C-alpha atoms as a PDB file:
ATOM      1  CA  MET A   1       0.000   0.000   0.000  1.00  0.00           C
ATOM      2  CA  THR A   2       1.492   3.352  -1.049  1.00  0.00           C
ATOM      3  CA  CYS A   3       1.645   6.418   1.212  1.00  0.00           C
ATOM      4  CA  ARG A   4      -1.122   8.052  -0.817  1.00  0.00           C
ATOM      5  CA  GLU A   5      -3.378   5.020  -0.357  1.00  0.00           C
ATOM      6  CA  GLN A   6      -2.669   5.056   3.400  1.00  0.00           C
ATOM      7  CA  TYR A   7      -3.665   8.743   3.574  1.00  0.00           C
ATOM      8  CA  GLU A   8      -6.835   8.038   1.626  1.00  0.00           C
ATOM      9  CA  ALA A   9      -7.738   5.103   3.890  1.00  0.00           C
ATOM     10  CA  ARG A  10      -7.164   7.209   7.001  1.00  0.00           C
ATOM     11  CA  GLU A  11      -9.213  10.022   5.469  1.00  0.00           C
ATOM     12  CA  ALA A  12     -12.104   7.656   4.712  1.00  0.00           C
ATOM     13  CA  ALA A  13     -12.035   6.317   8.280  1.00  0.00           C
ATOM     14  CA  ALA A  14     -11.784   9.715   9.991  1.00  0.00           C
ATOM     15  CA  LEU A  15     -14.114  11.952   7.982  1.00  0.00           C
ATOM     16  CA  ALA A  16     -17.891  12.116   8.083  1.00  0.00           C
ATOM     17  CA  PRO A  17     -19.839  10.004   5.574  1.00  0.00           C
ATOM     18  CA  TYR A  18     -20.923  13.135   3.672  1.00  0.00           C
ATOM     19  CA  ALA A  19     -17.360  14.532   3.351  1.00  0.00           C
ATOM     20  CA  GLN A  20     -15.682  14.778  -0.038  1.00  0.00           C
ATOM     21  CA  LEU A  21     -12.860  12.238  -0.089  1.00  0.00           C
ATOM     22  CA  SER A  22      -9.677  12.709  -2.071  1.00  0.00           C
ATOM     23  CA  SER A  23     -10.076   9.272  -3.618  1.00  0.00           C
ATOM     24  CA  LYS A  24     -13.536  10.222  -4.967  1.00  0.00           C
ATOM     25  CA  SER A  25     -12.371  13.405  -6.692  1.00  0.00           C
ATOM     26  CA  LEU A  26     -13.690  14.059 -10.185  1.00  0.00           C
ATOM     27  CA  GLY A  27     -10.198  15.010 -11.283  1.00  0.00           C
ATOM     28  CA  ARG A  28      -8.663  18.176 -12.583  1.00  0.00           C
ATOM     29  CA  ILE A  29      -9.245  20.437 -15.537  1.00  0.00           C
ATOM     30  CA  HIS A  30      -5.646  19.872 -16.635  1.00  0.00           C
ATOM     31  CA  PRO A  31      -4.723  16.216 -16.083  1.00  0.00           C
ATOM     32  CA  GLU A  32      -1.585  15.412 -14.092  1.00  0.00           C
ATOM     33  CA  PRO A  33       0.096  12.093 -13.427  1.00  0.00           C
ATOM     34  CA  GLU A  34      -0.830  10.678 -10.032  1.00  0.00           C
ATOM     35  CA  CYS A  35       1.808  10.757  -7.323  1.00  0.00           C
ATOM     36  CA  ALA A  36       2.438   7.580  -5.312  1.00  0.00           C
ATOM     37  CA  LEU A  37       3.173   9.615  -2.189  1.00  0.00           C
ATOM     38  CA  ARG A  38       0.654  12.464  -2.067  1.00  0.00           C
ATOM     39  CA  SER A  39      -2.961  12.957  -3.048  1.00  0.00           C
ATOM     40  CA  CYS A  40      -3.972  15.921  -5.195  1.00  0.00           C
ATOM     41  CA  PHE A  41      -5.126  17.681  -2.032  1.00  0.00           C
ATOM     42  CA  TYR A  42      -1.658  17.464  -0.449  1.00  0.00           C
ATOM     43  CA  ARG A  43       0.007  18.529  -3.679  1.00  0.00           C
ATOM     44  CA  ASP A  44      -2.217  21.615  -3.710  1.00  0.00           C
ATOM     45  CA  ILE A  45      -1.305  22.384  -0.088  1.00  0.00           C
ATOM     46  CA  GLY A  46       2.368  22.334  -1.050  1.00  0.00           C
ATOM     47  CA  ARG A  47       1.770  24.601  -4.033  1.00  0.00           C
ATOM     48  CA  ILE A  48      -0.097  27.127  -1.914  1.00  0.00           C
ATOM     49  CA  MET A  49       2.347  27.112   0.997  1.00  0.00           C
ATOM     50  CA  HIS A  50       5.341  27.679  -1.263  1.00  0.00           C
ATOM     51  CA  SER A  51       3.710  30.307  -3.474  1.00  0.00           C
ATOM     52  CA  ALA A  52       4.985  33.874  -3.387  1.00  0.00           C
ATOM     53  CA  ALA A  53       1.500  35.278  -2.755  1.00  0.00           C
ATOM     54  CA  PHE A  54       1.039  33.129   0.349  1.00  0.00           C
ATOM     55  CA  ARG A  55       4.496  33.996   1.680  1.00  0.00           C
ATOM     56  CA  ARG A  56       3.710  37.711   1.391  1.00  0.00           C
ATOM     57  CA  LEU A  57       1.270  37.218   4.273  1.00  0.00           C
ATOM     58  CA  GLU A  58       4.350  37.169   6.506  1.00  0.00           C
ATOM     59  CA  TYR A  59       4.517  40.971   6.344  1.00  0.00           C
ATOM     60  CA  LYS A  60       0.874  41.610   7.315  1.00  0.00           C
ATOM     61  CA  THR A  61       0.129  42.040  11.023  1.00  0.00           C
ATOM     62  CA  GLN A  62      -2.866  39.985  12.112  1.00  0.00           C
ATOM     63  CA  VAL A  63      -3.189  40.317  15.875  1.00  0.00           C
ATOM     64  CA  PHE A  64      -1.325  42.248  18.548  1.00  0.00           C
ATOM     65  CA  VAL A  65      -1.724  40.750  22.009  1.00  0.00           C
ATOM     66  CA  ASN A  66      -0.888  43.558  24.452  1.00  0.00           C
ATOM     67  CA  HIS A  67      -0.637  41.519  27.643  1.00  0.00           C
ATOM     68  CA  GLU A  68       2.021  39.215  26.171  1.00  0.00           C
ATOM     69  CA  GLY A  69       4.587  41.952  25.516  1.00  0.00           C
ATOM     70  CA  ASP A  70       5.958  42.407  22.027  1.00  0.00           C
ATOM     71  CA  TYR A  71       4.224  39.388  20.561  1.00  0.00           C
ATOM     72  CA  TYR A  72       3.081  40.158  17.031  1.00  0.00           C
ATOM     73  CA  ARG A  73       1.070  37.729  14.976  1.00  0.00           C
ATOM     74  CA  THR A  74       1.224  37.791  11.231  1.00  0.00           C
ATOM     75  CA  ARG A  75      -1.373  36.600   8.793  1.00  0.00           C
ATOM     76  CA  LEU A  76       1.051  33.891   7.698  1.00  0.00           C
ATOM     77  CA  THR A  77       1.441  32.327  11.154  1.00  0.00           C
ATOM     78  CA  HIS A  78      -2.271  32.737  11.844  1.00  0.00           C
ATOM     79  CA  THR A  79      -3.206  31.084   8.544  1.00  0.00           C
ATOM     80  CA  LEU A  80      -0.798  28.186   9.093  1.00  0.00           C
ATOM     81  CA  GLU A  81      -2.165  27.487  12.563  1.00  0.00           C
ATOM     82  CA  VAL A  82      -5.787  27.674  11.444  1.00  0.00           C
ATOM     83  CA  SER A  83      -5.095  25.375   8.491  1.00  0.00           C
ATOM     84  CA  ARG A  84      -3.555  22.770  10.828  1.00  0.00           C
ATOM     85  CA  ILE A  85      -6.675  22.870  13.003  1.00  0.00           C
ATOM     86  CA  ASP A  86      -8.939  22.673   9.959  1.00  0.00           C
ATOM     87  CA  SER A  87      -7.194  19.708   8.348  1.00  0.00           C
ATOM     88  CA  GLY A  88      -7.036  17.710  11.566  1.00  0.00           C
ATOM     89  CA  GLY A  89      -3.264  18.109  11.769  1.00  0.00           C
ATOM     90  CA  TYR A  90      -2.512  16.011   8.699  1.00  0.00           C
END
């Protein structure tokens, strides 16, 4: 069983019955060869996280917590943390 198949099996076991599974995707507009290691979803995550537009979020202040001293949050760190919560930490 490949890494991608293990991810898809874990996804099918963990997600709700009405969730859209990676293995049941209708595909892409522009076909790509399938990767043995990552599903299309994980390939897209990598593309987004390494894109220049996403990395520019580093320079945008999101939250300033006054009681914690000089602790600035950026949109990049905020987005990364929220995405980890949203995807179940995968």
